[in-house]
Amino acid sequence: MTRFSYGTVRESPRRAIFVVRVNPGQLGPMEVEDIAERMRERLATRGEPMAQVVVVQGDSKETLRLHGDPYSVSRVRDAMFHAAIRWMALDLD
């Protein structure tokens, strides 16, 4: 069973990058894009239509994969390295 969690990386006082973590598993590109799109739809209903979303797979350095805009992926990778993301459970269904 796939579980999701999410966190945010602050870009500015008014902007954040949203991070969706997938546990367990390695998903294909279409599945990753589907997860990102479902999160964007969810955020759009909250009034954030242009939100950046990064999808994270894996649980170790060897298996970690980040998907999204290159700038956002870089910011998320840095935040993860510094343990600056607080993860919360997410239900995308």
Protein backbone atom coordinates (compact mmCIF):
# COMPACT_ATOMS: atom_id res chain seq x y z
CA MET A 1 0.00 0.00 0.00
CA THR A 2 1.39 3.36 -1.01
CA ARG A 3 1.41 6.06 1.66
CA PHE A 4 1.88 9.76 1.07
CA SER A 5 3.19 12.52 3.27
CA TYR A 6 3.88 16.13 2.51
CA GLY A 7 5.84 19.12 3.71
CA THR A 8 6.77 22.57 2.54
CA VAL A 9 9.95 24.47 1.79
CA ARG A 10 9.52 28.23 2.22
CA GLU A 11 10.51 30.28 -0.80
CA SER A 12 9.36 33.62 0.60
CA PRO A 13 6.74 34.77 3.12
CA ARG A 14 4.07 34.27 0.45
CA ARG A 15 5.45 31.33 -1.55
CA ALA A 16 6.30 27.74 -0.75
CA ILE A 17 7.37 24.63 -2.61
CA PHE A 18 5.16 21.68 -1.72
CA VAL A 19 6.86 18.32 -1.34
CA VAL A 20 4.99 15.00 -1.63
CA ARG A 21 6.82 11.93 -0.36
CA VAL A 22 5.83 8.48 -1.63
CA ASN A 23 6.43 5.46 0.64
CA PRO A 24 7.25 2.80 -0.28
CA GLY A 25 8.07 2.49 -3.84
CA GLN A 26 9.44 3.31 -7.17
CA LEU A 27 6.80 4.78 -9.43
CA GLY A 28 6.90 5.34 -13.15
CA PRO A 29 6.97 8.81 -14.72
CA MET A 30 3.23 8.80 -15.44
CA GLU A 31 2.38 7.87 -11.84
CA VAL A 32 4.70 10.58 -10.49
CA GLU A 33 3.09 13.20 -12.73
CA ASP A 34 -0.38 12.01 -11.64
CA ILE A 35 0.55 12.49 -7.97
CA ALA A 36 1.96 15.97 -8.66
CA GLU A 37 -1.15 16.92 -10.63
CA ARG A 38 -3.50 15.70 -7.86
CA MET A 39 -1.53 17.79 -5.35
CA ARG A 40 -1.67 20.85 -7.64
CA GLU A 41 -5.45 20.43 -7.95
CA ARG A 42 -5.76 20.21 -4.19
CA LEU A 43 -3.65 23.36 -3.75
CA ALA A 44 -5.63 25.22 -6.43
CA THR A 45 -8.82 24.70 -4.42
CA ARG A 46 -7.01 26.38 -1.50
CA GLY A 47 -6.17 29.40 -3.63
CA GLU A 48 -2.67 28.43 -4.75
CA PRO A 49 -3.06 27.80 -8.49
CA MET A 50 0.63 28.20 -9.41
CA ALA A 51 2.14 26.06 -6.64
CA GLN A 52 5.40 24.24 -7.29
CA VAL A 53 5.24 20.53 -6.38
CA VAL A 54 8.19 18.15 -5.98
CA VAL A 55 7.59 14.40 -5.65
CA VAL A 56 10.12 12.44 -3.57
CA GLN A 57 10.55 8.67 -3.82
CA GLY A 58 12.84 6.37 -1.86
CA ASP A 59 14.12 6.32 1.67
CA SER A 60 17.92 6.22 1.39
CA LYS A 61 20.62 8.06 -0.52
CA GLU A 62 20.85 5.17 -2.97
CA THR A 63 17.14 5.08 -3.77
CA LEU A 64 16.17 8.75 -3.36
CA ARG A 65 14.59 10.31 -6.46
CA LEU A 66 13.19 13.84 -6.68
CA HIS A 67 10.88 14.89 -9.53
CA GLY A 68 9.84 18.42 -10.45
CA ASP A 69 11.17 21.76 -11.63
CA PRO A 70 15.02 21.74 -11.38
CA TYR A 71 15.15 24.85 -9.17
CA SER A 72 12.49 23.48 -6.82
CA VAL A 73 14.20 20.06 -6.69
CA SER A 74 17.46 21.77 -5.71
CA ARG A 75 15.76 23.73 -2.91
CA VAL A 76 14.00 20.59 -1.63
CA ARG A 77 17.20 18.52 -1.75
CA ASP A 78 18.96 21.19 0.32
CA ALA A 79 16.09 21.32 2.84
CA MET A 80 16.10 17.51 3.15
CA PHE A 81 19.88 17.53 3.71
CA HIS A 82 19.37 19.95 6.58
CA ALA A 83 16.32 18.06 7.91
CA ALA A 84 14.25 21.21 7.48
CA ILE A 85 11.06 19.56 6.25
CA ARG A 86 8.36 18.52 8.70
CA TRP A 87 6.37 15.66 7.15
CA MET A 88 2.61 15.25 7.67
CA ALA A 89 0.31 12.50 6.46
CA LEU A 90 -1.50 13.18 3.19
CA ASP A 91 -4.56 11.58 1.63
CA LEU A 92 -4.71 12.25 -2.12
CA ASP A 93 -7.75 10.08 -2.82
